C-alpha atoms as a PDB file:
ATOM      1  CA  MET A   1      -3.608   4.356 -36.398  1.00  0.00           C
ATOM      2  CA  LYS A   2      -6.074   4.649 -33.403  1.00  0.00           C
ATOM      3  CA  VAL A   3      -6.083   2.103 -30.741  1.00  0.00           C
ATOM      4  CA  ALA A   4      -9.127   1.164 -28.646  1.00  0.00           C
ATOM      5  CA  ARG A   5      -7.732  -1.407 -26.738  1.00  0.00           C
ATOM      6  CA  VAL A   6      -3.919  -2.664 -25.396  1.00  0.00           C
ATOM      7  CA  GLY A   7      -2.867  -6.002 -23.786  1.00  0.00           C
ATOM      8  CA  LEU A   8       0.504  -5.317 -22.295  1.00  0.00           C
ATOM      9  CA  ASP A   9       2.251  -8.359 -20.937  1.00  0.00           C
ATOM     10  CA  ILE A  10       5.201  -6.739 -18.167  1.00  0.00           C
ATOM     11  CA  ALA A  11       8.102  -8.109 -16.776  1.00  0.00           C
ATOM     12  CA  LYS A  12      11.378  -7.124 -15.462  1.00  0.00           C
ATOM     13  CA  THR A  13      13.220  -5.710 -18.332  1.00  0.00           C
ATOM     14  CA  VAL A  14      11.061  -6.726 -21.488  1.00  0.00           C
ATOM     15  CA  PHE A  15       7.342  -5.578 -21.959  1.00  0.00           C
ATOM     16  CA  GLN A  16       5.359  -6.780 -25.039  1.00  0.00           C
ATOM     17  CA  VAL A  17       2.200  -4.831 -26.427  1.00  0.00           C
ATOM     18  CA  HIS A  18      -0.416  -5.870 -28.629  1.00  0.00           C
ATOM     19  CA  GLY A  19      -3.259  -3.292 -29.563  1.00  0.00           C
ATOM     20  CA  VAL A  20      -6.287  -3.569 -31.343  1.00  0.00           C
ATOM     21  CA  ASP A  21      -8.697  -0.859 -33.000  1.00  0.00           C
ATOM     22  CA  MET A  22     -12.500  -0.693 -32.451  1.00  0.00           C
ATOM     23  CA  GLN A  23     -13.204  -3.447 -34.736  1.00  0.00           C
ATOM     24  CA  GLY A  24     -10.828  -6.066 -33.104  1.00  0.00           C
ATOM     25  CA  LYS A  25      -8.343  -5.437 -35.840  1.00  0.00           C
ATOM     26  CA  THR A  26      -4.987  -5.766 -34.919  1.00  0.00           C
ATOM     27  CA  VAL A  27      -2.938  -2.751 -35.634  1.00  0.00           C
ATOM     28  CA  LEU A  28      -0.015  -2.832 -32.761  1.00  0.00           C
ATOM     29  CA  LYS A  29       2.628  -5.317 -32.076  1.00  0.00           C
ATOM     30  CA  LYS A  30       5.591  -3.557 -30.247  1.00  0.00           C
ATOM     31  CA  THR A  31       8.471  -4.734 -27.722  1.00  0.00           C
ATOM     32  CA  LEU A  32       9.399  -2.571 -25.027  1.00  0.00           C
ATOM     33  CA  SER A  33      12.177  -1.880 -22.802  1.00  0.00           C
ATOM     34  CA  ARG A  34      11.645  -0.657 -19.198  1.00  0.00           C
ATOM     35  CA  GLY A  35      12.640   2.470 -19.417  1.00  0.00           C
ATOM     36  CA  GLU A  36      10.180   2.946 -22.786  1.00  0.00           C
ATOM     37  CA  VAL A  37       7.195   1.822 -21.694  1.00  0.00           C
ATOM     38  CA  LEU A  38       5.880   5.197 -19.770  1.00  0.00           C
ATOM     39  CA  ALA A  39       7.391   7.151 -22.759  1.00  0.00           C
ATOM     40  CA  PHE A  40       5.588   5.440 -25.270  1.00  0.00           C
ATOM     41  CA  PHE A  41       2.138   5.323 -23.365  1.00  0.00           C
ATOM     42  CA  ALA A  42       2.638   9.120 -22.511  1.00  0.00           C
ATOM     43  CA  ASN A  43       2.150   9.595 -26.449  1.00  0.00           C
ATOM     44  CA  THR A  44      -0.662   7.126 -27.064  1.00  0.00           C
ATOM     45  CA  PRO A  45      -4.129   8.348 -27.101  1.00  0.00           C
ATOM     46  CA  ALA A  46      -6.029   7.363 -23.683  1.00  0.00           C
ATOM     47  CA  SER A  47      -7.366   3.750 -24.235  1.00  0.00           C
ATOM     48  CA  LEU A  48      -8.234   0.363 -22.400  1.00  0.00           C
ATOM     49  CA  ILE A  49      -5.296  -1.314 -21.001  1.00  0.00           C
ATOM     50  CA  GLY A  50      -4.995  -4.643 -19.976  1.00  0.00           C
ATOM     51  CA  ILE A  51      -2.355  -6.337 -17.327  1.00  0.00           C
ATOM     52  CA  GLU A  52      -2.033  -9.769 -15.519  1.00  0.00           C
ATOM     53  CA  ALA A  53      -2.241  -8.845 -11.935  1.00  0.00           C
ATOM     54  CA  CYS A  54       1.272 -10.057 -10.754  1.00  0.00           C
ATOM     55  CA  ALA A  55       4.535  -8.477  -9.228  1.00  0.00           C
ATOM     56  CA  GLY A  56       4.524  -4.869 -10.450  1.00  0.00           C
ATOM     57  CA  ALA A  57       1.074  -4.535 -11.876  1.00  0.00           C
ATOM     58  CA  HIS A  58      -0.117  -2.370  -9.210  1.00  0.00           C
ATOM     59  CA  TYR A  59       2.917  -0.227 -10.012  1.00  0.00           C
ATOM     60  CA  TRP A  60       2.080  -0.133 -13.930  1.00  0.00           C
ATOM     61  CA  ALA A  61      -1.473   0.281 -13.468  1.00  0.00           C
ATOM     62  CA  ARG A  62      -1.349   3.464 -11.017  1.00  0.00           C
ATOM     63  CA  GLU A  63       1.185   4.697 -13.594  1.00  0.00           C
ATOM     64  CA  LEU A  64      -1.020   4.478 -16.778  1.00  0.00           C
ATOM     65  CA  ILE A  65      -4.472   6.198 -14.800  1.00  0.00           C
ATOM     66  CA  LYS A  66      -1.968   9.012 -14.058  1.00  0.00           C
ATOM     67  CA  GLN A  67      -1.603   9.462 -17.880  1.00  0.00           C
ATOM     68  CA  GLY A  68      -5.635   8.977 -18.413  1.00  0.00           C
ATOM     69  CA  HIS A  69      -5.689   5.610 -19.371  1.00  0.00           C
ATOM     70  CA  ASP A  70      -8.270   3.010 -18.281  1.00  0.00           C
ATOM     71  CA  ALA A  71      -5.291   0.416 -16.722  1.00  0.00           C
ATOM     72  CA  ARG A  72      -7.229  -3.003 -15.269  1.00  0.00           C
ATOM     73  CA  LEU A  73      -5.719  -5.963 -13.319  1.00  0.00           C
ATOM     74  CA  MET A  74      -6.962  -9.409 -14.545  1.00  0.00           C
ATOM     75  CA  ALA A  75      -6.004 -12.513 -12.616  1.00  0.00           C
ATOM     76  CA  ALA A  76      -3.739 -14.897 -15.163  1.00  0.00           C
ATOM     77  CA  GLN A  77      -6.184 -18.330 -14.452  1.00  0.00           C
ATOM     78  CA  PHE A  78      -8.837 -15.955 -16.281  1.00  0.00           C
ATOM     79  CA  VAL A  79      -6.578 -14.678 -19.164  1.00  0.00           C
ATOM     80  CA  SER A  80      -5.066 -17.890 -19.953  1.00  0.00           C
ATOM     81  CA  PRO A  81      -7.999 -19.520 -21.639  1.00  0.00           C
ATOM     82  CA  TYR A  82      -7.580 -16.576 -24.336  1.00  0.00           C
ATOM     83  CA  ARG A  83      -4.162 -17.439 -25.536  1.00  0.00           C
ATOM     84  CA  LYS A  84      -4.234 -19.235 -28.845  1.00  0.00           C
ATOM     85  CA  SER A  85      -1.688 -21.218 -28.834  1.00  0.00           C
ATOM     86  CA  GLY A  86       2.143 -21.408 -27.234  1.00  0.00           C
ATOM     87  CA  LYS A  87       2.713 -19.546 -24.188  1.00  0.00           C
ATOM     88  CA  ASN A  88       5.469 -16.463 -25.079  1.00  0.00           C
ATOM     89  CA  ASP A  89       5.478 -12.840 -24.872  1.00  0.00           C
ATOM     90  CA  ALA A  90       3.494 -12.067 -27.805  1.00  0.00           C
ATOM     91  CA  ASN A  91       0.632 -14.461 -27.424  1.00  0.00           C
ATOM     92  CA  ASP A  92       0.324 -13.361 -23.859  1.00  0.00           C
ATOM     93  CA  ALA A  93      -0.272  -9.663 -25.004  1.00  0.00           C
ATOM     94  CA  GLU A  94      -2.530 -10.709 -27.120  1.00  0.00           C
ATOM     95  CA  ALA A  95      -4.165 -12.881 -24.706  1.00  0.00           C
ATOM     96  CA  ILE A  96      -4.843 -10.241 -22.274  1.00  0.00           C
ATOM     97  CA  CYS A  97      -5.953  -7.949 -24.603  1.00  0.00           C
ATOM     98  CA  GLU A  98      -8.939  -9.898 -26.172  1.00  0.00           C
ATOM     99  CA  ALA A  99      -9.455 -10.757 -22.138  1.00  0.00           C
ATOM    100  CA  VAL A 100     -10.089  -6.920 -20.991  1.00  0.00           C
ATOM    101  CA  GLY A 101     -12.620  -6.435 -23.580  1.00  0.00           C
ATOM    102  CA  ARG A 102     -14.801  -9.131 -22.248  1.00  0.00           C
ATOM    103  CA  PRO A 103     -17.826  -7.846 -20.693  1.00  0.00           C
ATOM    104  CA  ASN A 104     -17.912 -10.282 -17.858  1.00  0.00           C
ATOM    105  CA  MET A 105     -14.279 -10.205 -16.830  1.00  0.00           C
ATOM    106  CA  ARG A 106     -13.525  -9.946 -13.255  1.00  0.00           C
ATOM    107  CA  PHE A 107     -11.000  -7.267 -12.476  1.00  0.00           C
ATOM    108  CA  VAL A 108      -8.474  -6.940  -9.508  1.00  0.00           C
ATOM    109  CA  PRO A 109      -8.747  -3.705  -8.163  1.00  0.00           C
ATOM    110  CA  VAL A 110      -5.962  -1.242  -8.500  1.00  0.00           C
ATOM    111  CA  LYS A 111      -4.115  -0.895  -4.928  1.00  0.00           C
ATOM    112  CA  SER A 112      -2.797   2.274  -3.804  1.00  0.00           C
ATOM    113  CA  GLU A 113       0.624   3.135  -2.676  1.00  0.00           C
ATOM    114  CA  GLU A 114      -0.657   3.140   1.301  1.00  0.00           C
ATOM    115  CA  ALA A 115      -2.396  -0.037   1.102  1.00  0.00           C
ATOM    116  CA  GLN A 116       0.781  -1.574  -0.340  1.00  0.00           C
ATOM    117  CA  ALA A 117       3.068   0.182   2.154  1.00  0.00           C
ATOM    118  CA  VAL A 118       0.670  -1.849   4.750  1.00  0.00           C
ATOM    119  CA  LEU A 119       0.585  -5.150   3.002  1.00  0.00           C
ATOM    120  CA  ALA A 120       4.538  -4.574   2.957  1.00  0.00           C
ATOM    121  CA  VAL A 121       4.670  -4.327   6.707  1.00  0.00           C
ATOM    122  CA  HIS A 122       2.502  -7.673   6.846  1.00  0.00           C
ATOM    123  CA  ARG A 123       4.804  -9.621   4.329  1.00  0.00           C
ATOM    124  CA  VAL A 124       7.755  -8.777   6.542  1.00  0.00           C
ATOM    125  CA  ARG A 125       6.146  -9.799   9.611  1.00  0.00           C
ATOM    126  CA  ALA A 126       5.545 -12.981   8.016  1.00  0.00           C
ATOM    127  CA  LEU A 127       8.664 -13.595   6.855  1.00  0.00           C
ATOM    128  CA  THR A 128       9.895 -12.615  10.286  1.00  0.00           C
ATOM    129  CA  VAL A 129       7.383 -15.234  12.090  1.00  0.00           C
ATOM    130  CA  SER A 130       8.459 -17.842   9.729  1.00  0.00           C
ATOM    131  CA  GLU A 131      11.934 -17.406  10.413  1.00  0.00           C
ATOM    132  CA  ARG A 132      11.511 -17.660  14.145  1.00  0.00           C
ATOM    133  CA  THR A 133       9.754 -20.811  13.361  1.00  0.00           C
ATOM    134  CA  ALA A 134      12.468 -22.410  11.089  1.00  0.00           C
ATOM    135  CA  LEU A 135      14.637 -21.359  14.174  1.00  0.00           C
ATOM    136  CA  VAL A 136      12.771 -23.129  16.726  1.00  0.00           C
ATOM    137  CA  ASN A 137      12.331 -26.644  14.687  1.00  0.00           C
ATOM    138  CA  GLN A 138      16.329 -26.400  14.170  1.00  0.00           C
ATOM    139  CA  VAL A 139      16.501 -26.267  17.788  1.00  0.00           C
ATOM    140  CA  ARG A 140      14.320 -29.054  18.634  1.00  0.00           C
ATOM    141  CA  GLY A 141      16.239 -31.112  15.972  1.00  0.00           C
ATOM    142  CA  LEU A 142      19.433 -30.206  17.529  1.00  0.00           C
ATOM    143  CA  LEU A 143      18.556 -30.658  21.426  1.00  0.00           C
ATOM    144  CA  GLY A 144      16.961 -33.727  20.068  1.00  0.00           C
ATOM    145  CA  GLU A 145      20.641 -35.092  19.359  1.00  0.00           C
ATOM    146  CA  PHE A 146      21.298 -35.120  23.119  1.00  0.00           C
ATOM    147  CA  GLY A 147      18.045 -36.217  24.325  1.00  0.00           C
ATOM    148  CA  ILE A 148      16.546 -33.333  25.231  1.00  0.00           C
ATOM    149  CA  VAL A 149      12.763 -32.899  23.912  1.00  0.00           C
ATOM    150  CA  ILE A 150      10.599 -29.768  23.458  1.00  0.00           C
ATOM    151  CA  GLY A 151       7.364 -29.470  24.406  1.00  0.00           C
ATOM    152  CA  GLN A 152       4.869 -28.294  21.427  1.00  0.00           C
ATOM    153  CA  GLY A 153       4.479 -24.047  21.046  1.00  0.00           C
ATOM    154  CA  ILE A 154       7.180 -21.773  21.127  1.00  0.00           C
ATOM    155  CA  ALA A 155       6.928 -20.870  25.011  1.00  0.00           C
ATOM    156  CA  GLN A 156       7.965 -24.298  25.815  1.00  0.00           C
ATOM    157  CA  ALA A 157      11.130 -23.633  23.624  1.00  0.00           C
ATOM    158  CA  ARG A 158      11.758 -20.202  25.245  1.00  0.00           C
ATOM    159  CA  ARG A 159      11.457 -21.958  28.623  1.00  0.00           C
ATOM    160  CA  LEU A 160      13.847 -24.670  27.530  1.00  0.00           C
ATOM    161  CA  LEU A 161      16.501 -22.252  26.286  1.00  0.00           C
ATOM    162  CA  GLY A 162      16.089 -20.214  29.566  1.00  0.00           C
ATOM    163  CA  GLU A 163      17.273 -23.477  31.543  1.00  0.00           C
ATOM    164  CA  ILE A 164      19.855 -24.310  29.568  1.00  0.00           C
ATOM    165  CA  GLY A 165      21.329 -20.970  29.422  1.00  0.00           C
ATOM    166  CA  ALA A 166      21.099 -20.715  33.214  1.00  0.00           C
ATOM    167  CA  GLY A 167      22.981 -24.400  33.613  1.00  0.00           C
ATOM    168  CA  GLY A 168      19.878 -26.271  34.123  1.00  0.00           C
ATOM    169  CA  ARG A 169      20.590 -28.992  31.504  1.00  0.00           C
ATOM    170  CA  GLN A 170      23.671 -30.973  30.743  1.00  0.00           C
ATOM    171  CA  LEU A 171      25.447 -30.136  27.423  1.00  0.00           C
ATOM    172  CA  PRO A 172      28.873 -30.441  26.005  1.00  0.00           C
ATOM    173  CA  PRO A 173      30.648 -26.543  26.252  1.00  0.00           C
ATOM    174  CA  LEU A 174      30.155 -26.138  22.451  1.00  0.00           C
ATOM    175  CA  ALA A 175      26.504 -27.323  22.026  1.00  0.00           C
ATOM    176  CA  ARG A 176      25.812 -25.039  24.800  1.00  0.00           C
ATOM    177  CA  GLU A 177      27.388 -22.013  23.310  1.00  0.00           C
ATOM    178  CA  THR A 178      25.871 -22.572  19.554  1.00  0.00           C
ATOM    179  CA  ILE A 179      22.592 -23.105  21.518  1.00  0.00           C
ATOM    180  CA  GLY A 180      23.009 -20.020  23.297  1.00  0.00           C
ATOM    181  CA  ASP A 181      23.605 -17.763  20.048  1.00  0.00           C
ATOM    182  CA  LEU A 182      20.394 -19.487  18.628  1.00  0.00           C
ATOM    183  CA  HIS A 183      18.667 -18.378  21.979  1.00  0.00           C
ATOM    184  CA  ASP A 184      19.836 -14.930  21.031  1.00  0.00           C
ATOM    185  CA  ARG A 185      18.429 -14.699  17.605  1.00  0.00           C
ATOM    186  CA  LEU A 186      15.140 -15.977  18.722  1.00  0.00           C
ATOM    187  CA  ARG A 187      15.120 -13.227  21.231  1.00  0.00           C
ATOM    188  CA  THR A 188      15.621 -10.586  18.029  1.00  0.00           C
ATOM    189  CA  LEU A 189      12.886 -12.666  16.251  1.00  0.00           C
ATOM    190  CA  ASP A 190      10.722 -12.170  19.240  1.00  0.00           C
ATOM    191  CA  GLU A 191      11.454  -8.488  19.603  1.00  0.00           C
ATOM    192  CA  ARG A 192      11.068  -7.641  15.702  1.00  0.00           C
ATOM    193  CA  ILE A 193       7.736  -9.215  15.601  1.00  0.00           C
ATOM    194  CA  LEU A 194       6.500  -7.460  18.773  1.00  0.00           C
ATOM    195  CA  ALA A 195       7.725  -4.127  16.804  1.00  0.00           C
ATOM    196  CA  TYR A 196       5.739  -5.256  13.796  1.00  0.00           C
ATOM    197  CA  ASP A 197       2.705  -5.933  15.904  1.00  0.00           C
ATOM    198  CA  ARG A 198       2.699  -2.439  17.800  1.00  0.00           C
ATOM    199  CA  LYS A 199       2.966  -1.094  14.479  1.00  0.00           C
ATOM    200  CA  ILE A 200       0.206  -2.962  12.867  1.00  0.00           C
ATOM    201  CA  SER A 201      -1.916  -1.714  15.939  1.00  0.00           C
ATOM    202  CA  ALA A 202      -1.506   1.826  15.322  1.00  0.00           C
ATOM    203  CA  LEU A 203      -1.987   1.207  11.703  1.00  0.00           C
ATOM    204  CA  ALA A 204      -5.719  -0.560  12.805  1.00  0.00           C
ATOM    205  CA  LYS A 205      -6.361   2.588  15.287  1.00  0.00           C
ATOM    206  CA  ALA A 206      -6.040   4.799  12.414  1.00  0.00           C
ATOM    207  CA  CYS A 207      -7.825   3.282  10.152  1.00  0.00           C
ATOM    208  CA  GLU A 208     -11.459   3.608  10.356  1.00  0.00           C
ATOM    209  CA  PRO A 209     -12.564   0.726   8.555  1.00  0.00           C
ATOM    210  CA  ALA A 210     -10.133  -1.412  10.238  1.00  0.00           C
ATOM    211  CA  ARG A 211     -11.483   0.014  13.714  1.00  0.00           C
ATOM    212  CA  ARG A 212     -15.421  -1.361  12.713  1.00  0.00           C
ATOM    213  CA  LEU A 213     -13.864  -5.105  11.505  1.00  0.00           C
ATOM    214  CA  MET A 214     -12.166  -5.715  14.929  1.00  0.00           C
ATOM    215  CA  ALA A 215     -15.420  -5.492  16.541  1.00  0.00           C
ATOM    216  CA  ILE A 216     -16.108  -8.599  14.914  1.00  0.00           C
ATOM    217  CA  GLU A 217     -15.288 -11.929  17.088  1.00  0.00           C
ATOM    218  CA  GLY A 218     -11.976 -13.384  15.495  1.00  0.00           C
ATOM    219  CA  VAL A 219     -11.066 -10.534  13.755  1.00  0.00           C
ATOM    220  CA  GLY A 220      -8.006  -8.620  14.995  1.00  0.00           C
ATOM    221  CA  PRO A 221      -5.476  -5.554  14.035  1.00  0.00           C
ATOM    222  CA  VAL A 222      -3.492  -8.260  11.916  1.00  0.00           C
ATOM    223  CA  THR A 223      -6.575  -9.448  10.116  1.00  0.00           C
ATOM    224  CA  ALA A 224      -8.768  -6.057   9.858  1.00  0.00           C
ATOM    225  CA  THR A 225      -5.826  -4.036   8.418  1.00  0.00           C
ATOM    226  CA  ALA A 226      -4.745  -6.799   5.931  1.00  0.00           C
ATOM    227  CA  LEU A 227      -8.448  -6.800   4.691  1.00  0.00           C
ATOM    228  CA  VAL A 228      -8.868  -3.091   3.917  1.00  0.00           C
ATOM    229  CA  ALA A 229      -5.774  -3.198   2.545  1.00  0.00           C
ATOM    230  CA  SER A 230      -6.117  -6.225   0.177  1.00  0.00           C
ATOM    231  CA  VAL A 231      -9.441  -5.448  -0.681  1.00  0.00           C
ATOM    232  CA  GLY A 232      -9.519  -1.722  -1.353  1.00  0.00           C
ATOM    233  CA  ASN A 233     -13.160  -0.866  -2.679  1.00  0.00           C
ATOM    234  CA  ALA A 234     -15.426  -3.894  -1.411  1.00  0.00           C
ATOM    235  CA  SER A 235     -18.038  -2.903  -3.629  1.00  0.00           C
ATOM    236  CA  THR A 236     -16.257  -4.545  -6.811  1.00  0.00           C
ATOM    237  CA  PHE A 237     -17.583  -7.897  -5.300  1.00  0.00           C
ATOM    238  CA  LYS A 238     -21.703  -7.958  -6.090  1.00  0.00           C
ATOM    239  CA  SER A 239     -22.251  -9.942  -2.957  1.00  0.00           C
ATOM    240  CA  GLY A 240     -20.665 -11.110   0.282  1.00  0.00           C
ATOM    241  CA  ARG A 241     -20.873 -14.477  -0.881  1.00  0.00           C
ATOM    242  CA  GLN A 242     -18.462 -13.331  -4.364  1.00  0.00           C
ATOM    243  CA  PHE A 243     -16.365 -12.015  -1.415  1.00  0.00           C
ATOM    244  CA  ALA A 244     -16.744 -15.147   0.390  1.00  0.00           C
ATOM    245  CA  ALA A 245     -15.321 -17.047  -2.826  1.00  0.00           C
ATOM    246  CA  TRP A 246     -12.489 -14.687  -3.476  1.00  0.00           C
ATOM    247  CA  LEU A 247     -11.087 -15.805  -0.726  1.00  0.00           C
ATOM    248  CA  GLY A 248     -11.432 -19.213  -0.842  1.00  0.00           C
ATOM    249  CA  LEU A 249     -13.860 -19.791   1.649  1.00  0.00           C
ATOM    250  CA  THR A 250     -16.704 -21.482  -0.486  1.00  0.00           C
ATOM    251  CA  PRO A 251     -16.979 -25.255  -1.769  1.00  0.00           C
ATOM    252  CA  ARG A 252     -15.886 -26.493  -5.160  1.00  0.00           C
ATOM    253  CA  GLN A 253     -18.714 -27.330  -7.491  1.00  0.00           C
ATOM    254  CA  ASN A 254     -19.048 -29.651 -10.342  1.00  0.00           C
ATOM    255  CA  SER A 255     -22.469 -29.822 -10.806  1.00  0.00           C
ATOM    256  CA  SER A 256     -24.486 -30.896 -13.913  1.00  0.00           C
ATOM    257  CA  GLY A 257     -27.768 -31.705 -15.159  1.00  0.00           C
ATOM    258  CA  GLY A 258     -29.521 -29.837 -12.432  1.00  0.00           C
ATOM    259  CA  LYS A 259     -27.547 -31.693  -9.937  1.00  0.00           C
ATOM    260  CA  THR A 260     -25.325 -29.711  -7.263  1.00  0.00           C
ATOM    261  CA  LYS A 261     -22.372 -31.357  -6.142  1.00  0.00           C
ATOM    262  CA  LEU A 262     -19.981 -29.440  -3.777  1.00  0.00           C
ATOM    263  CA  GLY A 263     -16.609 -30.514  -2.489  1.00  0.00           C
ATOM    264  CA  SER A 264     -14.260 -29.389  -0.382  1.00  0.00           C
ATOM    265  CA  ILE A 265     -13.344 -25.509  -0.101  1.00  0.00           C
ATOM    266  CA  SER A 266     -11.990 -23.767  -3.581  1.00  0.00           C
ATOM    267  CA  LYS A 267      -8.577 -22.352  -1.452  1.00  0.00           C
ATOM    268  CA  ARG A 268      -8.583 -20.121  -4.176  1.00  0.00           C
ATOM    269  CA  GLY A 269      -7.135 -15.850  -3.541  1.00  0.00           C
ATOM    270  CA  ASP A 270      -5.160 -15.091  -0.779  1.00  0.00           C
ATOM    271  CA  VAL A 271      -3.479 -17.598   1.222  1.00  0.00           C
ATOM    272  CA  THR A 272      -2.633 -14.943   3.845  1.00  0.00           C
ATOM    273  CA  LEU A 273      -6.216 -13.717   4.217  1.00  0.00           C
ATOM    274  CA  ARG A 274      -8.019 -16.992   4.501  1.00  0.00           C
ATOM    275  CA  THR A 275      -5.551 -18.001   6.862  1.00  0.00           C
ATOM    276  CA  LEU A 276      -6.191 -15.348   9.188  1.00  0.00           C
ATOM    277  CA  LEU A 277      -9.865 -15.576   9.128  1.00  0.00           C
ATOM    278  CA  ILE A 278      -9.717 -19.264  10.150  1.00  0.00           C
ATOM    279  CA  HIS A 279      -7.430 -18.629  12.576  1.00  0.00           C
ATOM    280  CA  GLY A 280      -9.706 -16.431  13.954  1.00  0.00           C
ATOM    281  CA  THR A 281     -12.592 -18.190  13.944  1.00  0.00           C
ATOM    282  CA  ARG A 282     -10.612 -21.188  15.530  1.00  0.00           C
ATOM    283  CA  SER A 283     -10.267 -19.221  18.700  1.00  0.00           C
ATOM    284  CA  VAL A 284     -13.846 -18.109  18.626  1.00  0.00           C
ATOM    285  CA  LEU A 285     -14.927 -21.636  18.563  1.00  0.00           C
ATOM    286  CA  ARG A 286     -13.353 -22.142  21.828  1.00  0.00           C
ATOM    287  CA  LEU A 287     -15.633 -19.657  23.489  1.00  0.00           C
ATOM    288  CA  THR A 288     -19.170 -20.509  21.677  1.00  0.00           C
ATOM    289  CA  THR A 289     -19.779 -22.962  24.395  1.00  0.00           C
ATOM    290  CA  GLY A 290     -23.107 -21.850  26.402  1.00  0.00           C
ATOM    291  CA  ARG A 291     -23.424 -18.434  24.261  1.00  0.00           C
ATOM    292  CA  THR A 292     -26.889 -18.277  23.504  1.00  0.00           C
ATOM    293  CA  ASP A 293     -26.375 -15.045  20.317  1.00  0.00           C
ATOM    294  CA  ARG A 294     -27.292 -16.775  17.092  1.00  0.00           C
ATOM    295  CA  LYS A 295     -23.796 -17.062  15.482  1.00  0.00           C
ATOM    296  CA  SER A 296     -22.810 -18.991  18.683  1.00  0.00           C
ATOM    297  CA  VAL A 297     -25.846 -21.428  18.858  1.00  0.00           C
ATOM    298  CA  TRP A 298     -25.202 -22.215  14.877  1.00  0.00           C
ATOM    299  CA  ALA A 299     -21.337 -22.503  15.132  1.00  0.00           C
ATOM    300  CA  GLU A 300     -22.099 -25.034  17.936  1.00  0.00           C
ATOM    301  CA  ALA A 301     -24.853 -26.865  15.927  1.00  0.00           C
ATOM    302  CA  LEU A 302     -22.252 -27.478  13.167  1.00  0.00           C
ATOM    303  CA  LYS A 303     -19.853 -28.408  15.473  1.00  0.00           C
ATOM    304  CA  GLU A 304     -21.933 -31.254  16.530  1.00  0.00           C
ATOM    305  CA  ARG A 305     -22.805 -32.137  13.172  1.00  0.00           C
ATOM    306  CA  SER A 306     -19.575 -32.133  11.670  1.00  0.00           C
ATOM    307  CA  CYS A 307     -16.501 -31.197  13.188  1.00  0.00           C
ATOM    308  CA  THR A 308     -14.426 -28.376  14.622  1.00  0.00           C
ATOM    309  CA  ASN A 309     -12.399 -27.640  11.241  1.00  0.00           C
ATOM    310  CA  VAL A 310     -15.359 -27.711   9.133  1.00  0.00           C
ATOM    311  CA  ALA A 311     -17.164 -25.199  11.713  1.00  0.00           C
ATOM    312  CA  ALA A 312     -13.962 -23.082  11.733  1.00  0.00           C
ATOM    313  CA  VAL A 313     -14.338 -22.573   8.029  1.00  0.00           C
ATOM    314  CA  ALA A 314     -17.940 -22.110   7.656  1.00  0.00           C
ATOM    315  CA  LEU A 315     -17.501 -19.629  10.315  1.00  0.00           C
ATOM    316  CA  ALA A 316     -14.911 -18.121   8.441  1.00  0.00           C
ATOM    317  CA  ALA A 317     -16.867 -17.611   5.251  1.00  0.00           C
ATOM    318  CA  LYS A 318     -19.384 -16.311   7.392  1.00  0.00           C
ATOM    319  CA  ASN A 319     -17.289 -14.010   8.985  1.00  0.00           C
ATOM    320  CA  ALA A 320     -16.369 -12.716   5.208  1.00  0.00           C
ATOM    321  CA  ARG A 321     -19.880 -12.005   4.304  1.00  0.00           C
ATOM    322  CA  ILE A 322     -20.246  -9.777   7.134  1.00  0.00           C
ATOM    323  CA  ILE A 323     -16.853  -8.041   6.466  1.00  0.00           C
ATOM    324  CA  TRP A 324     -18.194  -7.673   2.657  1.00  0.00           C
ATOM    325  CA  ALA A 325     -21.391  -5.981   4.257  1.00  0.00           C
ATOM    326  CA  MET A 326     -19.368  -3.857   6.613  1.00  0.00           C
ATOM    327  CA  LEU A 327     -17.042  -2.317   3.960  1.00  0.00           C
ATOM    328  CA  SER A 328     -19.635  -1.675   1.283  1.00  0.00           C
ATOM    329  CA  ARG A 329     -21.924  -0.049   3.276  1.00  0.00           C
ATOM    330  CA  GLY A 330     -19.875   1.193   5.666  1.00  0.00           C
ATOM    331  CA  THR A 331     -22.097  -0.392   8.582  1.00  0.00           C
ATOM    332  CA  GLU A 332     -21.352  -1.102  12.218  1.00  0.00           C
ATOM    333  CA  TYR A 333     -21.180  -4.632  13.506  1.00  0.00           C
ATOM    334  CA  GLN A 334     -24.354  -5.753  15.210  1.00  0.00           C
ATOM    335  CA  VAL A 335     -24.571  -8.825  17.251  1.00  0.00           C
ATOM    336  CA  ALA A 336     -27.403 -11.265  16.270  1.00  0.00           C
ATOM    337  CA  SER A 337     -29.392 -12.330  19.391  1.00  0.00           C
END
């Protein structure tokens, strides 16, 4: 039995394998437990193995590559069109096997353990930030019941909580004690977020590509390290526009008959990366007024024609193309005069 191409549908405990030969004829259908996967493929001749890019996919791809296999990851939306009937493990594995053999299939770069460790720091920091936001929102709601309204921004919440702790606002003793507990939790979360920011800054300084990316306006240590860890080898993208499309920063198309129709941005890809780039450009747009460099003049003209939000997304797409060029070619950032 000569297996040329394999589709591996992964899960927590049950894995489904579907293999075909060089002529595309099915020669392998097997269900494996988690502990049997590596042993099974260790005794299988080197072959092309397709896996959907999902939780745990990068780990399995790395392990299979170590065994000499050509493991490739694909986005789930590119695999589903090849599923012929109902969704189950066997049909999923068959669809993956079919999709990985397509000559024009787009593959997801396999991340290293180091890159995933960096992304783990980002994910935990994002979780801590969301916890802080939820905490402040709860404080707003609780104090609103006592007629105390907090202004916009976490800084306003910190200031008012400090006043309450110092006795500057009248509250029942039980409420004051409860709000004081929340204030202590807020300070703890602030310290944790600051610690993660310092860790990310250290990672950015130690990473040469991240240091180069931070020369771009609106790209700081958080954005730079997240991009380098997520993208890996930027040469896998054919162009800067393809990279921007992967980030979901290009318009949706509904074109037909030679007539081009562009809609809103697609919002495909990594939400975190897209959000970081757009928030970075929002801060840049506050400083473009009066600047004479080409990018600032272009951004100001776009703001006048449309609005700040459109300009922020467009500038993020432009920065994405610049980032692709810098990562794929190893060049430094140069400001166009």
